[in-house]
Amino acid sequence: MISGTHKDCTKCRYCEKICPENSPIADIMELFNELARTKDVDTVREKFDREYRKITGCVNCGRCLPYCPVKINIPSYILAAKEDFE
């Protein structure tokens, strides 16, 4: 599991505009913040399953990387969310 918060994520959604899978990247990044704040894995896992799992098709293509103004390694976090929150 990747730990830490994503205070650096500005929610500009530039990454989402280029994502071929239309993943809700900024919203998923916020789940990591919620987990860091609350330490409530079950609630975060439930929220991911209910709201994001079915629409997160990240295939680690990396197209989003050059568009992130704060240089977050987005695919690693999205794939971690899929593994850790499912």
Protein backbone atom coordinates (compact mmCIF):
# COMPACT_ATOMS: atom_id res chain seq x y z
CA MET A 1 0.00 0.00 0.00
CA ILE A 2 1.26 3.45 -0.82
CA SER A 3 1.05 5.71 2.17
CA GLY A 4 1.09 9.44 2.42
CA THR A 5 -1.15 12.23 1.37
CA HIS A 6 -1.50 14.07 -1.86
CA LYS A 7 -1.47 17.62 -0.63
CA ASP A 8 0.50 18.41 -3.75
CA CYS A 9 -2.35 17.35 -6.02
CA THR A 10 -3.95 20.61 -7.10
CA LYS A 11 -6.99 18.89 -8.59
CA CYS A 12 -6.35 20.74 -11.83
CA ARG A 13 -7.58 17.61 -13.64
CA TYR A 14 -5.13 18.11 -16.52
CA CYS A 15 -4.28 14.42 -16.13
CA GLU A 16 -7.91 13.46 -16.50
CA LYS A 17 -8.25 15.36 -19.75
CA ILE A 18 -5.53 13.25 -21.35
CA CYS A 19 -6.42 9.91 -19.75
CA PRO A 20 -7.60 7.46 -22.43
CA GLU A 21 -9.59 5.59 -19.77
CA ASN A 22 -11.25 8.71 -18.31
CA SER A 23 -10.14 7.75 -14.81
CA PRO A 24 -11.27 10.13 -12.04
CA ILE A 25 -7.66 10.68 -10.97
CA ALA A 26 -8.08 13.72 -8.69
CA ASP A 27 -10.91 12.04 -6.81
CA ILE A 28 -8.87 8.89 -6.31
CA MET A 29 -5.92 10.94 -5.08
CA GLU A 30 -8.27 12.46 -2.52
CA LEU A 31 -9.03 8.96 -1.20
CA PHE A 32 -5.39 8.68 -0.14
CA ASN A 33 -5.77 11.99 1.73
CA GLU A 34 -8.93 10.70 3.39
CA LEU A 35 -7.14 7.53 4.44
CA ALA A 36 -4.25 9.52 5.91
CA ARG A 37 -6.67 11.77 7.82
CA THR A 38 -9.05 9.14 9.14
CA LYS A 39 -7.01 5.90 9.10
CA ASP A 40 -10.34 4.25 8.24
CA VAL A 41 -9.38 1.73 5.58
CA ASP A 42 -12.82 0.13 5.50
CA THR A 43 -14.62 3.39 4.74
CA VAL A 44 -12.12 4.37 2.05
CA ARG A 45 -12.27 0.89 0.52
CA GLU A 46 -16.08 1.03 0.48
CA LYS A 47 -16.05 4.48 -1.12
CA PHE A 48 -13.58 3.35 -3.78
CA ASP A 49 -15.65 0.27 -4.54
CA ARG A 50 -18.91 2.21 -4.68
CA GLU A 51 -17.73 5.24 -6.64
CA TYR A 52 -14.54 4.56 -8.55
CA ARG A 53 -13.61 0.91 -9.09
CA LYS A 54 -15.82 0.42 -12.13
CA ILE A 55 -14.56 3.57 -13.84
CA THR A 56 -10.86 3.25 -13.11
CA GLY A 57 -9.32 1.59 -16.12
CA CYS A 58 -5.75 2.81 -15.64
CA VAL A 59 -3.39 0.65 -17.65
CA ASN A 60 -0.20 2.46 -16.60
CA CYS A 61 0.27 4.11 -20.00
CA GLY A 62 1.86 7.19 -18.42
CA ARG A 63 0.20 9.72 -20.73
CA CYS A 64 -0.84 11.73 -17.69
CA LEU A 65 2.69 12.17 -16.30
CA PRO A 66 3.80 15.15 -18.40
CA TYR A 67 0.55 16.96 -17.60
CA CYS A 68 0.88 16.89 -13.82
CA PRO A 69 2.18 20.32 -12.75
CA VAL A 70 3.46 18.90 -9.44
CA LYS A 71 5.01 15.76 -10.96
CA ILE A 72 3.04 13.11 -9.05
CA ASN A 73 3.63 9.58 -10.30
CA ILE A 74 -0.07 9.17 -11.03
CA PRO A 75 -0.09 5.63 -12.47
CA SER A 76 1.61 4.21 -9.39
CA TYR A 77 -1.07 5.69 -7.12
CA ILE A 78 -3.99 4.69 -9.32
CA LEU A 79 -2.72 1.13 -9.60
CA ALA A 80 -2.10 1.05 -5.83
CA ALA A 81 -5.66 2.21 -5.23
CA LYS A 82 -6.96 -0.56 -7.45
CA GLU A 83 -4.87 -3.14 -5.57
CA ASP A 84 -5.23 -1.80 -2.04
CA PHE A 85 -8.81 -0.57 -1.97
CA GLU A 86 -10.50 -3.43 -3.83
